[in-house]
Amino acid sequence: APEVFESDKFDQRVDLYALGVCALELLLGRPPLDERDPVRLIARIVNEGFPPVGELVAGLPPALEQLLERLLARNPEHRVASAEELLEIVASVDAALHRAD
């Protein structure tokens, strides 16, 4: 998460950010940022973040895309705040996906 490289003050939201990165990598089948140099990769994470999820993975259901955007928010204040909140959001995403069937 960007805040890890900018401060020594961070919380559980860094883990939720990491979960978002892992989920995005699973959907893409590759790392979300094409950067081999670790210093440049960190600079991109801190300064730019990820492109919009919809640009990286076409055709995602809107509820899932919104969840990933929240998990990957550069600003931790805009990110999913806790595992409990994530569970609530996942339940609503699941419900939205079943309604779309």
Protein backbone atom coordinates (compact mmCIF):
# COMPACT_ATOMS: atom_id res chain seq x y z
CA ALA A 1 0.00 0.00 0.00
CA PRO A 2 1.28 3.48 -0.80
CA GLU A 3 1.24 4.63 2.83
CA VAL A 4 3.78 1.96 3.79
CA PHE A 5 6.36 3.80 1.70
CA GLU A 6 5.38 7.26 2.92
CA SER A 7 4.94 6.86 6.67
CA ASP A 8 5.36 4.54 9.60
CA LYS A 9 1.71 5.06 10.50
CA PHE A 10 -0.59 2.57 8.82
CA ASP A 11 -3.20 0.03 9.85
CA GLN A 12 -5.10 -3.05 8.67
CA ARG A 13 -6.10 -1.29 5.46
CA VAL A 14 -2.66 -2.12 4.03
CA ASP A 15 -3.68 -5.79 4.18
CA LEU A 16 -6.97 -5.05 2.43
CA TYR A 17 -5.02 -3.17 -0.26
CA ALA A 18 -2.79 -6.25 -0.68
CA LEU A 19 -5.89 -8.43 -1.00
CA GLY A 20 -7.11 -6.15 -3.79
CA VAL A 21 -3.77 -6.44 -5.58
CA CYS A 22 -3.88 -10.26 -5.31
CA ALA A 23 -7.48 -10.37 -6.56
CA LEU A 24 -6.62 -8.14 -9.51
CA GLU A 25 -3.60 -10.28 -10.35
CA LEU A 26 -5.78 -13.40 -10.29
CA LEU A 27 -8.27 -11.78 -12.65
CA LEU A 28 -5.55 -10.58 -15.01
CA GLY A 29 -3.35 -13.66 -14.88
CA ARG A 30 -0.34 -11.36 -14.44
CA PRO A 31 0.87 -8.58 -12.16
CA PRO A 32 -1.35 -5.49 -12.54
CA LEU A 33 1.59 -3.16 -13.17
CA ASP A 34 4.13 -4.08 -15.82
CA GLU A 35 7.24 -2.90 -14.00
CA ARG A 36 10.27 -5.08 -13.36
CA ASP A 37 12.39 -2.54 -11.49
CA PRO A 38 11.31 -2.56 -7.81
CA VAL A 39 12.16 1.11 -7.25
CA ARG A 40 10.09 2.17 -10.25
CA LEU A 41 7.28 -0.14 -9.15
CA ILE A 42 7.17 1.51 -5.72
CA ALA A 43 7.23 4.96 -7.35
CA ARG A 44 4.28 4.02 -9.55
CA ILE A 45 2.33 2.63 -6.60
CA VAL A 46 2.94 5.75 -4.53
CA ASN A 47 2.58 8.38 -7.26
CA GLU A 48 0.14 6.92 -9.75
CA GLY A 49 -1.60 3.88 -8.31
CA PHE A 50 -3.32 1.45 -10.62
CA PRO A 51 -5.24 2.30 -13.77
CA PRO A 52 -9.01 2.01 -13.30
CA VAL A 53 -9.99 -1.62 -12.84
CA GLY A 54 -12.42 -1.40 -15.76
CA GLU A 55 -9.53 -0.53 -18.06
CA LEU A 56 -7.52 -3.51 -16.86
CA VAL A 57 -10.32 -6.11 -16.81
CA ALA A 58 -13.12 -5.60 -19.29
CA GLY A 59 -16.61 -6.83 -18.58
CA LEU A 60 -16.50 -7.11 -14.80
CA PRO A 61 -19.84 -6.73 -13.07
CA PRO A 62 -20.08 -3.15 -11.75
CA ALA A 63 -20.40 -4.25 -8.11
CA LEU A 64 -17.19 -6.28 -8.32
CA GLU A 65 -15.37 -3.48 -10.13
CA GLN A 66 -16.41 -1.02 -7.42
CA LEU A 67 -15.20 -3.38 -4.68
CA LEU A 68 -11.80 -3.73 -6.33
CA GLU A 69 -11.55 0.04 -6.76
CA ARG A 70 -12.22 0.49 -3.04
CA LEU A 71 -9.65 -2.13 -2.07
CA LEU A 72 -7.05 -0.49 -4.33
CA ALA A 73 -7.73 3.12 -3.33
CA ARG A 74 -4.45 5.00 -2.90
CA ASN A 75 -5.91 7.00 -0.03
CA PRO A 76 -6.55 4.66 2.92
CA GLU A 77 -9.50 6.84 3.97
CA HIS A 78 -11.26 5.77 0.75
CA ARG A 79 -10.39 2.12 1.16
CA VAL A 80 -12.42 -0.66 2.75
CA ALA A 81 -11.70 -0.10 6.44
CA SER A 82 -11.98 -3.55 7.99
CA ALA A 83 -12.53 -7.25 7.37
CA GLU A 84 -16.04 -6.85 8.76
CA GLU A 85 -16.82 -4.14 6.23
CA LEU A 86 -15.31 -6.27 3.47
CA LEU A 87 -17.57 -9.19 4.41
CA GLU A 88 -20.63 -6.93 4.21
CA ILE A 89 -19.55 -5.62 0.80
CA VAL A 90 -18.80 -9.11 -0.50
CA ALA A 91 -22.27 -10.25 0.58
CA SER A 92 -23.85 -7.34 -1.31
CA VAL A 93 -21.67 -8.04 -4.38
CA ASP A 94 -22.73 -11.69 -4.23
CA ALA A 95 -26.37 -10.66 -4.03
CA ALA A 96 -25.95 -8.25 -6.96
CA LEU A 97 -24.30 -10.96 -9.05
CA HIS A 98 -27.12 -13.40 -8.33
CA ARG A 99 -29.72 -10.79 -9.28
CA ALA A 100 -27.92 -10.32 -12.60
CA ASP A 101 -28.23 -14.04 -13.42
